[in-house]
Amino acid sequence: MKYEILIFDADETLFDFRKSEEYAIKNTLIDFNIEYKREEHLTIYRDINDTLWREYEKGNITQKELKIKRFKILSNTLNIKFDENEFAKVYIKYLSNSSFLYKNSLPLVKDLHIDYKLLIITNGLSNVQNNRIKKSPIGKYFEDIIISEEAGFQKPNPQIFEYALRKFNKTDKDKILMIGDSLTSDIKGGINFGIDTCWFNPNKLINETGLNPTYEISDITEVKNILKEA
């Protein structure tokens, strides 16, 4: 058995974060007496949020800044006035209580847990991810769940991997596999740390980043085939 430790990303790999995101933004807007228009509000918010998270990955913005700035930009873009600090609090409340697993996530994790040590490394906010992930049905199968806000580092910074693996006293990186959907976060992070990577690419996107994952899959259950053949 080549690998001993499997590191998973959480959102858009095991969890349907897009579903959680829509649940949170929809209910927050309704709480602020703003009629929810999916095609307008969700699209605009996702563009803003995705852009700021990419800036966070690059180290150009802190999570504390990101939490508020996205809603200040949203308010300005929609030309709707609301207190972005209060809006952020309500949004976080809804997001932290919206945990949606993909249908194959639980059986996959239960199966892999028998033979491998499992970790999650996620770029996210502690009060959101602790609730959504640690309390989910798959939370108990992971040795640890590392959240960037708690670690003080974020993917693709290799230091978050060092932080996560410290408890195992592992120096043999050949025994570790990183699995995630983001080339710029999960795959780049794994490559930066010097471990094998598996790009989960369900939409069969074209890789134009110049990054070369060790494996590529379009169905998360294909991880088992990789592990058998490795």
Foldseek 3Di string as FASTA:
>chain_A
DFAAEEEEAPDPQFWPLLVLQCQLQCVLCVVVVHHDDCVPLSVLLCVLLVVVVVCVQVVNDDPVCSLQVSVVVSCVVVVHDDRSVVSSVSSLVSSLQDAGTDPCNVVLLVVVLVRHAYEYEYEDDDSRCCSRACPDPNNVSHPYYHYCVVQVHFFLDLVSVCVVCVVVPDDPQSRYEYEYADCRGGQNSCVVNPHAYEHAHLVPDDDPPPGDHPYYDNDSSCVVVVVVVD
